[in-house]
Protein backbone atom coordinates (compact mmCIF):
# COMPACT_ATOMS: atom_id res chain seq x y z
CA MET A 1 67.21 90.87 165.73
CA CYS A 2 64.35 93.28 165.95
CA ARG A 3 61.81 92.59 163.21
CA ASN A 4 61.37 96.28 162.45
CA ILE A 5 65.00 96.77 161.49
CA HIS A 6 65.42 95.96 157.82
CA THR A 7 68.50 95.41 155.71
CA LEU A 8 69.66 98.74 154.34
CA HIS A 9 72.74 97.68 152.38
CA ASN A 10 72.88 97.12 148.62
CA PHE A 11 69.53 98.55 147.58
CA GLU A 12 68.70 100.80 144.70
CA PRO A 13 67.97 103.54 145.50
CA ALA A 14 70.30 103.66 148.51
CA ALA A 15 68.96 103.92 152.05
CA THR A 16 67.86 107.40 153.01
CA SER A 17 68.91 109.19 156.18
CA ASP A 18 65.33 108.72 157.44
CA GLU A 19 65.63 104.94 157.02
CA VAL A 20 68.98 104.92 158.81
CA HIS A 21 67.52 107.01 161.64
CA ALA A 22 64.48 104.72 161.92
CA ALA A 23 66.74 101.66 162.19
CA ALA A 24 68.85 103.38 164.86
CA LEU A 25 65.71 104.36 166.78
CA GLN A 26 64.40 100.78 166.69
CA TYR A 27 67.76 99.48 167.90
CA VAL A 28 67.89 101.92 170.82
CA ARG A 29 64.28 101.11 171.73
CA LYS A 30 65.07 97.39 171.73
CA VAL A 31 68.25 97.72 173.76
CA SER A 32 66.77 100.16 176.28
CA GLY A 33 63.46 98.34 176.58
CA ALA A 34 61.61 101.64 176.22
CA THR A 35 59.64 102.87 173.25
CA LYS A 36 59.46 106.34 174.77
CA PRO A 37 62.10 107.29 177.34
CA SER A 38 61.35 109.26 180.47
CA LYS A 39 62.21 112.95 180.51
CA ALA A 40 65.25 112.12 182.62
CA ASN A 41 66.54 109.72 179.93
CA GLN A 42 65.46 111.62 176.81
CA ALA A 43 68.83 113.27 176.18
CA ALA A 44 70.76 110.00 176.53
CA PHE A 45 68.22 108.24 174.31
CA ASP A 46 68.43 110.91 171.59
CA GLU A 47 72.23 110.96 171.76
CA ALA A 48 72.37 107.18 171.38
CA VAL A 49 70.05 107.29 168.35
CA ALA A 50 72.19 109.99 166.71
CA GLU A 51 75.44 108.11 167.36
CA ILE A 52 74.07 104.80 166.10
CA ALA A 53 72.60 106.46 163.01
CA HIS A 54 75.99 108.04 162.31
CA ALA A 55 77.81 104.72 162.77
CA THR A 56 75.24 102.95 160.59
CA GLN A 57 75.60 105.48 157.80
CA HIS A 58 79.39 105.20 158.03
CA LEU A 59 79.10 101.41 157.74
CA LEU A 60 76.76 101.59 154.76
CA ASP A 61 79.04 104.10 153.03
CA HIS A 62 82.06 101.81 153.41
CA LEU A 63 80.61 98.37 152.69
CA VAL A 64 81.72 96.83 149.40
CA THR A 65 79.81 94.26 147.38
CA HIS A 66 80.07 92.74 143.95
CA ALA A 67 76.42 91.71 143.88
CA PRO A 68 74.03 93.83 141.87
CA PRO A 69 71.82 96.12 143.96
CA LYS A 70 68.43 94.76 144.95
CA ASP A 71 65.27 96.52 143.85
CA ARG A 72 63.24 97.80 146.81
CA GLU A 73 59.87 97.12 145.18
CA VAL A 74 60.77 93.54 144.26
CA GLU A 75 62.07 92.82 147.76
CA ALA A 76 58.96 94.41 149.33
CA ALA A 77 56.73 92.23 147.16
CA LYS A 78 58.65 89.12 148.24
CA ALA A 79 58.27 90.14 151.89
CA ARG A 80 54.52 90.68 151.46
CA ALA A 81 54.19 87.24 149.84
CA ARG A 82 56.14 85.59 152.69
CA SER A 83 53.97 87.38 155.22
CA ALA A 84 50.73 86.40 153.50
CA GLU A 85 51.87 82.77 153.37
CA ARG A 86 52.98 82.78 157.01
CA TYR A 87 49.77 84.32 158.33
CA ALA A 88 47.51 82.25 156.07
CA THR A 89 49.20 79.11 157.41
CA ALA A 90 48.92 80.33 161.00
CA ALA A 91 45.21 81.16 160.55
CA SER A 92 44.40 77.74 159.14
CA ALA A 93 46.33 75.85 161.82
């Protein structure tokens, strides 16, 4: 999976439409192999992003969980700690 696409489900506050769009954009970029499409492909690229964002939002709206929602700040702090540990280990190796 693309590293820039983050889990959006079961967070408090819920994922915003901007976060859903960003995830869709990263997915389309990964699948197409292009970070910026040519003018000839721009319409298809934009349409794919919109459709995937719509499908993603539909999925998030319909997922059910019994787990309590995760706190974004706590999860971000955990991710920063994992990153610091990973890169500190890589630098000392």
